[in-house]
Amino acid sequence: MSQTRAAIILAAGQGTRMKSKTVKVLHHVGGRAMLDWTVDLARQCGADRVVTVYGAHSPAVKQAAEALGTATALQDPPLGTGHAVLAAREALEAETGQAIVLYADTPLITPETVAKVFAALDGGASVAVLGFEPEDPAAYGRLILAPDGTLDRIVEFKDADEEERAVRLVNSGVLAAPASLLLELLDQVGNDNANGEYYLTDVVGLARAKGLTARVVTASAEEVLGVNSRADLAEAEAAFQHRKRVAMMAQGVTLVDPSSVHFAHDTEIAADVVIEPNVVFGPGVRIGSDAVIRAFSRLEGVDIGPGAQVGPHANLQPGKQVAAGSPAAELEKN
């Protein structure tokens, strides 16, 4: 990486469709708050400056973000995504390198995908946008390509005509650009649109008008799933669990019935471990090689030594350590 990077995490949404007293971005996927996922993503992608934008209704987001070591910026009132990014102006003005806009309600984006967004900038694009093709494009903003395959503009669904709405390549919201250029373009964004808001997406058309190049990087629809409801949250959890199960088996872990095993984000399991059906891992579990976790067990915050046998029907709580080679009989229902 040749230059510094900043990440602006947008977390100011109301989240009313969650029907919850808990702020949307503090709901968990894989035993971890969605905000935590996004902060970790930013850092894995080399952002040494991370700013979380929160709303006046959600002081809990400010508290959580600062506990994670990010700076915070208040967006009040909420006037669109462009306005939200400008709430972080102070941090962006101090950034001499690249900046990326991420979303705290999109927990499944991988560092590899974000690396491709930055690679588009390194390859000569002035603006890079992460897009995808969902089964149902619904009300997503459309990515309109120029004849040469570069990105010409982003049109919000409410402002799109019939031909533009027929486009299936849509906007995830993730956008990157040199920080100074991003601020320059955002200062030119107006709110003459159906919602009367300042759209971050308008920076693409403004960049093109200056003769600059914008490019699209694509990801799967699953990876850029945004969580706005309990149904979305369940879908994100299912996607995370599938991803984790596949990764575990690829690393040499036997899952007798993969769909019945549930992992946390930080579950660590060595090769040649056998996991029987209906096992749940809470956060903070590490398991040594050749251990067996028998059916209907729940583990959280425990270290299981190599060759140990746990369960069936074990309930191991934080602080428990199971020595190497411990027999199942010693651990039933602990």
Protein backbone atom coordinates (compact mmCIF):
# COMPACT_ATOMS: atom_id res chain seq x y z
CA MET A 1 0.00 0.00 0.00
CA SER A 2 1.62 3.20 -1.20
CA GLN A 3 -0.54 5.79 0.57
CA THR A 4 -2.59 6.29 3.70
CA ARG A 5 -6.26 5.42 3.94
CA ALA A 6 -9.26 6.60 5.88
CA ALA A 7 -12.64 4.92 6.36
CA ILE A 8 -15.92 6.71 7.02
CA ILE A 9 -18.48 4.34 8.50
CA LEU A 10 -22.07 5.49 8.10
CA ALA A 11 -24.12 4.46 11.13
CA ALA A 12 -26.67 7.25 11.53
CA GLY A 13 -29.74 5.43 10.17
CA GLN A 14 -32.89 5.26 12.26
CA GLY A 15 -33.35 1.50 11.80
CA THR A 16 -37.08 1.72 12.47
CA ARG A 17 -37.84 -1.52 10.61
CA MET A 18 -35.90 -3.49 13.22
CA LYS A 19 -38.69 -2.72 15.74
CA SER A 20 -36.09 -2.72 18.51
CA LYS A 21 -34.94 -0.58 21.40
CA THR A 22 -31.41 -1.60 20.40
CA VAL A 23 -29.89 0.55 17.65
CA LYS A 24 -29.80 -1.41 14.39
CA VAL A 25 -26.03 -1.50 13.91
CA LEU A 26 -25.53 -2.91 17.42
CA HIS A 27 -27.48 -6.07 16.59
CA HIS A 28 -25.28 -9.12 16.26
CA VAL A 29 -24.21 -11.39 13.43
CA GLY A 30 -22.01 -14.31 14.45
CA GLY A 31 -22.03 -13.11 18.05
CA ARG A 32 -20.59 -9.72 17.08
CA ALA A 33 -22.23 -6.32 16.58
CA MET A 34 -22.51 -5.27 12.95
CA LEU A 35 -20.65 -2.05 13.77
CA ASP A 36 -17.74 -4.15 15.08
CA TRP A 37 -17.64 -6.09 11.81
CA THR A 38 -17.34 -2.89 9.78
CA VAL A 39 -14.69 -1.29 12.02
CA ASP A 40 -12.64 -4.48 11.76
CA LEU A 41 -13.08 -4.49 7.97
CA ALA A 42 -11.79 -0.92 7.76
CA ARG A 43 -8.71 -1.76 9.76
CA GLN A 44 -7.98 -4.96 7.85
CA CYS A 45 -7.95 -2.89 4.68
CA GLY A 46 -5.30 -0.52 5.99
CA ALA A 47 -7.37 2.41 7.25
CA ASP A 48 -5.38 4.11 9.97
CA ARG A 49 -8.06 6.77 10.36
CA VAL A 50 -11.61 5.48 11.01
CA VAL A 51 -14.58 7.77 11.65
CA THR A 52 -18.05 6.54 12.61
CA VAL A 53 -20.93 8.86 11.72
CA TYR A 54 -23.85 8.53 14.13
CA GLY A 55 -27.24 10.18 14.57
CA ALA A 56 -28.64 12.25 17.42
CA HIS A 57 -31.03 9.40 18.23
CA SER A 58 -28.20 6.92 18.83
CA PRO A 59 -25.66 7.95 21.48
CA ALA A 60 -25.11 4.22 22.01
CA VAL A 61 -23.44 4.08 18.58
CA LYS A 62 -21.09 6.90 19.54
CA GLN A 63 -20.20 5.09 22.75
CA ALA A 64 -19.67 1.75 21.00
CA ALA A 65 -17.60 3.28 18.20
CA GLU A 66 -15.33 5.12 20.59
CA ALA A 67 -14.90 1.95 22.64
CA LEU A 68 -13.64 0.35 19.42
CA GLY A 69 -11.12 3.16 19.02
CA THR A 70 -12.74 5.08 16.16
CA ALA A 71 -13.33 8.80 15.98
CA THR A 72 -16.99 9.84 15.80
CA ALA A 73 -18.95 12.55 14.00
CA LEU A 74 -22.57 13.59 14.50
CA GLN A 75 -24.96 13.90 11.55
CA ASP A 76 -27.85 16.07 12.69
CA PRO A 77 -30.24 16.44 10.99
CA PRO A 78 -30.00 13.48 8.58
CA LEU A 79 -29.96 14.89 5.04
CA GLY A 80 -28.65 11.97 2.99
CA THR A 81 -25.49 9.96 2.50
CA GLY A 82 -23.47 12.82 1.02
CA HIS A 83 -24.35 14.98 4.00
CA ALA A 84 -23.38 12.10 6.32
CA VAL A 85 -19.90 11.83 4.80
CA LEU A 86 -19.43 15.59 5.13
CA ALA A 87 -20.14 15.23 8.85
CA ALA A 88 -16.70 13.60 8.96
CA ARG A 89 -15.06 16.53 7.15
CA GLU A 90 -12.60 17.31 9.93
CA ALA A 91 -11.05 13.86 9.72
CA LEU A 92 -11.12 13.83 5.92
CA GLU A 93 -9.42 17.21 5.61
CA ALA A 94 -6.50 15.79 7.57
CA GLU A 95 -6.25 12.78 5.24
CA THR A 96 -3.79 13.05 2.36
CA GLY A 97 -4.47 9.61 0.91
CA GLN A 98 -7.53 7.60 -0.08
CA ALA A 99 -10.91 7.39 1.66
CA ILE A 100 -13.62 4.76 1.54
CA VAL A 101 -17.24 4.98 2.67
CA LEU A 102 -18.52 1.85 4.44
CA TYR A 103 -21.82 1.02 6.13
CA ALA A 104 -22.29 -0.31 9.66
CA ASP A 105 -25.34 -2.36 8.64
CA THR A 106 -23.46 -4.35 5.96
CA PRO A 107 -21.44 -6.89 7.95
CA LEU A 108 -20.48 -9.48 5.32
CA ILE A 109 -18.16 -7.54 2.99
CA THR A 110 -14.71 -9.13 2.93
CA PRO A 111 -11.31 -7.43 3.06
CA GLU A 112 -10.53 -9.02 -0.32
CA THR A 113 -13.42 -7.16 -1.94
CA VAL A 114 -12.47 -3.82 -0.38
CA ALA A 115 -8.91 -4.39 -1.56
CA LYS A 116 -10.27 -4.59 -5.12
CA VAL A 117 -12.02 -1.24 -4.66
CA PHE A 118 -8.75 0.38 -3.62
CA ALA A 119 -6.96 -1.42 -6.47
CA ALA A 120 -9.28 0.35 -8.90
CA LEU A 121 -8.04 3.67 -7.53
CA ASP A 122 -4.45 2.52 -7.69
CA GLY A 123 -5.08 1.53 -11.31
CA GLY A 124 -6.05 5.04 -12.34
CA ALA A 125 -9.71 5.53 -11.41
CA SER A 126 -10.57 8.70 -9.50
CA VAL A 127 -13.71 7.14 -8.02
CA ALA A 128 -14.41 3.45 -7.40
CA VAL A 129 -17.84 2.05 -6.56
CA LEU A 130 -18.81 -1.41 -5.33
CA GLY A 131 -21.75 -2.81 -7.30
CA PHE A 132 -23.69 -6.05 -7.53
CA GLU A 133 -26.53 -7.73 -9.43
CA PRO A 134 -29.35 -8.87 -7.12
CA GLU A 135 -32.13 -11.23 -8.15
CA ASP A 136 -34.54 -8.32 -7.70
CA PRO A 137 -32.96 -4.88 -8.28
CA ALA A 138 -36.00 -3.36 -6.55
CA ALA A 139 -35.35 0.22 -5.43
CA TYR A 140 -31.53 0.20 -5.57
CA GLY A 141 -29.65 2.97 -7.35
CA ARG A 142 -28.63 1.94 -10.86
CA LEU A 143 -25.01 1.95 -12.06
CA ILE A 144 -25.06 3.35 -15.59
CA LEU A 145 -21.97 2.41 -17.58
CA ALA A 146 -20.36 4.39 -20.40
CA PRO A 147 -19.70 2.64 -23.75
CA ASP A 148 -16.08 2.01 -22.69
CA GLY A 149 -17.20 0.12 -19.56
CA THR A 150 -16.34 2.84 -17.07
CA LEU A 151 -19.01 4.16 -14.70
CA ASP A 152 -20.87 7.13 -16.16
CA ARG A 153 -23.29 7.92 -13.33
CA ILE A 154 -25.41 6.50 -10.51
CA VAL A 155 -29.13 7.14 -10.70
CA GLU A 156 -31.29 6.68 -7.60
CA PHE A 157 -34.36 4.55 -8.32
CA LYS A 158 -36.82 7.35 -7.58
CA ASP A 159 -35.06 9.56 -10.11
CA ALA A 160 -34.50 6.88 -12.79
CA ASP A 161 -36.43 6.65 -16.03
CA GLU A 162 -37.80 3.37 -17.43
CA GLU A 163 -34.63 2.56 -19.39
CA GLU A 164 -32.39 3.20 -16.38
CA ARG A 165 -34.60 1.09 -14.11
CA ALA A 166 -34.11 -1.84 -16.49
CA VAL A 167 -30.38 -1.89 -15.62
CA ARG A 168 -29.56 -4.79 -13.26
CA LEU A 169 -26.17 -3.58 -12.01
CA VAL A 170 -26.87 -1.67 -8.82
CA ASN A 171 -25.09 0.32 -6.15
CA SER A 172 -24.02 -1.17 -2.81
CA GLY A 173 -23.23 2.26 -1.40
CA VAL A 174 -19.53 1.57 -0.88
CA LEU A 175 -17.46 4.23 -2.64
CA ALA A 176 -13.77 5.20 -2.57
CA ALA A 177 -11.79 8.18 -3.85
CA PRO A 178 -8.83 10.31 -2.85
CA ALA A 179 -10.01 12.08 0.31
CA SER A 180 -9.36 15.59 -1.01
CA LEU A 181 -11.27 14.86 -4.23
CA LEU A 182 -14.17 13.34 -2.32
CA LEU A 183 -14.57 16.52 -0.26
CA GLU A 184 -14.24 18.71 -3.35
CA LEU A 185 -16.98 16.79 -5.14
CA LEU A 186 -19.27 16.58 -2.13
CA ASP A 187 -19.16 20.36 -1.77
CA GLN A 188 -20.74 20.53 -5.24
CA VAL A 189 -23.57 18.08 -4.52
CA GLY A 190 -27.04 19.60 -4.43
CA ASN A 191 -30.37 18.24 -3.22
CA ASP A 192 -32.53 18.73 -6.32
CA ASN A 193 -33.96 15.21 -6.31
CA ALA A 194 -37.07 13.28 -5.32
CA ASN A 195 -36.00 13.03 -1.65
CA GLY A 196 -34.50 16.49 -1.25
CA GLU A 197 -31.30 14.88 0.07
CA TYR A 198 -27.60 15.21 -0.65
CA TYR A 199 -26.62 11.96 -2.35
CA LEU A 200 -23.10 10.57 -2.08
CA THR A 201 -23.79 8.91 -5.44
CA ASP A 202 -23.80 12.30 -7.21
CA VAL A 203 -20.00 12.48 -6.89
CA VAL A 204 -19.69 10.02 -9.79
CA GLY A 205 -21.42 12.31 -12.28
CA LEU A 206 -19.51 15.30 -10.94
CA ALA A 207 -16.21 13.46 -11.34
CA ARG A 208 -17.10 12.54 -14.93
CA ALA A 209 -17.96 16.17 -15.66
CA LYS A 210 -14.40 17.05 -14.63
CA GLY A 211 -13.03 14.50 -17.09
CA LEU A 212 -12.17 12.00 -14.37
CA THR A 213 -12.68 8.22 -14.54
CA ALA A 214 -15.01 6.18 -12.33
CA ARG A 215 -15.01 2.39 -12.23
CA VAL A 216 -17.20 -0.37 -10.80
CA VAL A 217 -15.94 -3.32 -8.78
CA THR A 218 -18.49 -6.12 -8.35
CA ALA A 219 -19.34 -8.39 -5.43
CA SER A 220 -21.97 -11.03 -4.80
CA ALA A 221 -25.39 -9.90 -3.60
CA GLU A 222 -24.92 -11.96 -0.44
CA GLU A 223 -21.69 -10.17 0.46
CA VAL A 224 -23.21 -6.69 0.27
CA LEU A 225 -26.46 -7.61 2.04
CA GLY A 226 -27.64 -4.62 4.06
CA VAL A 227 -29.57 -5.32 7.25
CA ASN A 228 -32.72 -3.24 7.70
CA SER A 229 -35.10 -5.70 9.35
CA ARG A 230 -35.17 -8.82 11.50
CA ALA A 231 -35.61 -10.87 8.33
CA ASP A 232 -32.47 -9.28 6.87
CA LEU A 233 -30.64 -9.99 10.13
CA ALA A 234 -31.59 -13.66 9.92
CA GLU A 235 -30.45 -13.76 6.29
CA ALA A 236 -27.09 -12.22 7.22
CA GLU A 237 -26.66 -14.71 10.06
CA ALA A 238 -27.41 -17.62 7.75
CA ALA A 239 -24.90 -16.32 5.20
CA PHE A 240 -22.24 -15.92 7.89
CA GLN A 241 -22.85 -19.42 9.24
CA HIS A 242 -22.61 -20.96 5.76
CA ARG A 243 -19.37 -19.09 5.09
CA LYS A 244 -17.91 -20.19 8.44
CA ARG A 245 -18.92 -23.83 8.00
CA VAL A 246 -17.32 -24.01 4.58
CA ALA A 247 -14.14 -22.43 5.93
CA MET A 248 -13.99 -24.83 8.88
CA MET A 249 -14.35 -27.91 6.70
CA ALA A 250 -11.72 -26.56 4.29
CA GLN A 251 -9.36 -26.31 7.27
CA GLY A 252 -9.83 -29.97 8.17
CA VAL A 253 -12.68 -29.87 10.68
CA THR A 254 -15.33 -32.60 10.43
CA LEU A 255 -18.91 -31.34 10.72
CA VAL A 256 -21.17 -34.38 10.88
CA ASP A 257 -24.26 -32.27 10.12
CA PRO A 258 -22.99 -28.84 9.01
CA SER A 259 -26.34 -27.05 8.94
CA SER A 260 -26.97 -27.80 12.63
CA VAL A 261 -23.66 -26.36 13.89
CA HIS A 262 -23.57 -22.65 14.74
CA PHE A 263 -20.33 -20.70 15.07
CA ALA A 264 -19.30 -17.33 16.48
CA HIS A 265 -17.12 -14.90 14.57
CA ASP A 266 -13.99 -15.85 16.53
CA THR A 267 -14.40 -19.64 16.87
CA GLU A 268 -11.00 -21.32 16.43
CA ILE A 269 -10.89 -25.05 15.70
CA ALA A 270 -7.80 -27.05 14.79
CA ALA A 271 -7.66 -29.74 12.12
CA ASP A 272 -9.04 -33.23 12.83
CA VAL A 273 -11.64 -32.02 15.33
CA VAL A 274 -15.03 -33.72 15.01
CA ILE A 275 -18.18 -31.68 15.67
CA GLU A 276 -21.35 -33.73 16.05
CA PRO A 277 -24.84 -32.36 15.24
CA ASN A 278 -26.60 -29.55 17.11
CA VAL A 279 -23.57 -27.83 18.63
CA VAL A 280 -23.55 -24.08 19.32
CA PHE A 281 -20.39 -22.03 19.79
CA GLY A 282 -20.64 -18.71 21.60
CA PRO A 283 -17.76 -16.22 21.37
CA GLY A 284 -14.30 -17.06 22.66
CA VAL A 285 -13.98 -20.80 21.93
CA ARG A 286 -10.71 -22.48 20.95
CA ILE A 287 -10.44 -26.22 20.31
CA GLY A 288 -7.25 -28.25 19.92
CA SER A 289 -6.69 -30.97 17.34
CA ASP A 290 -8.38 -34.39 17.57
CA ALA A 291 -10.99 -33.20 20.07
CA VAL A 292 -14.58 -34.39 19.74
CA ILE A 293 -17.55 -32.15 20.56
CA ARG A 294 -20.55 -34.39 20.91
CA ALA A 295 -24.13 -33.60 20.04
CA PHE A 296 -26.36 -30.99 21.72
CA SER A 297 -23.52 -29.12 23.41
CA ARG A 298 -23.06 -25.37 23.89
CA LEU A 299 -19.64 -23.83 24.47
CA GLU A 300 -18.69 -20.21 25.17
CA GLY A 301 -15.43 -18.65 26.31
CA VAL A 302 -13.62 -21.96 26.76
CA ASP A 303 -10.37 -23.62 25.71
CA ILE A 304 -10.63 -27.30 24.77
CA GLY A 305 -7.35 -29.17 24.76
CA PRO A 306 -6.19 -31.54 22.00
CA GLY A 307 -7.90 -34.93 22.07
CA ALA A 308 -10.52 -33.94 24.64
CA GLN A 309 -14.10 -35.17 24.39
CA VAL A 310 -16.96 -32.87 25.35
CA GLY A 311 -20.59 -33.84 25.83
CA PRO A 312 -23.07 -34.88 24.69
CA HIS A 313 -25.37 -32.24 26.19
CA ALA A 314 -22.45 -30.26 27.68
CA ASN A 315 -22.93 -26.61 28.63
CA LEU A 316 -19.51 -25.03 29.14
CA GLN A 317 -19.46 -21.40 30.26
CA PRO A 318 -16.69 -18.78 30.10
CA GLY A 319 -13.57 -19.55 32.09
CA LYS A 320 -13.74 -23.33 31.76
CA GLN A 321 -10.59 -25.06 30.53
CA VAL A 322 -10.66 -28.66 29.37
CA ALA A 323 -7.31 -30.42 29.44
CA ALA A 324 -5.95 -32.44 26.57
CA GLY A 325 -7.38 -35.92 26.42
CA SER A 326 -10.19 -35.31 28.91
CA PRO A 327 -12.89 -37.98 28.55
CA ALA A 328 -16.47 -37.15 27.78
CA ALA A 329 -17.73 -38.61 31.07
CA GLU A 330 -16.03 -35.84 33.04
CA LEU A 331 -17.71 -33.09 31.05
CA GLU A 332 -21.32 -34.05 30.65
CA LYS A 333 -23.64 -31.21 31.56
CA ASN A 334 -20.87 -29.15 33.21
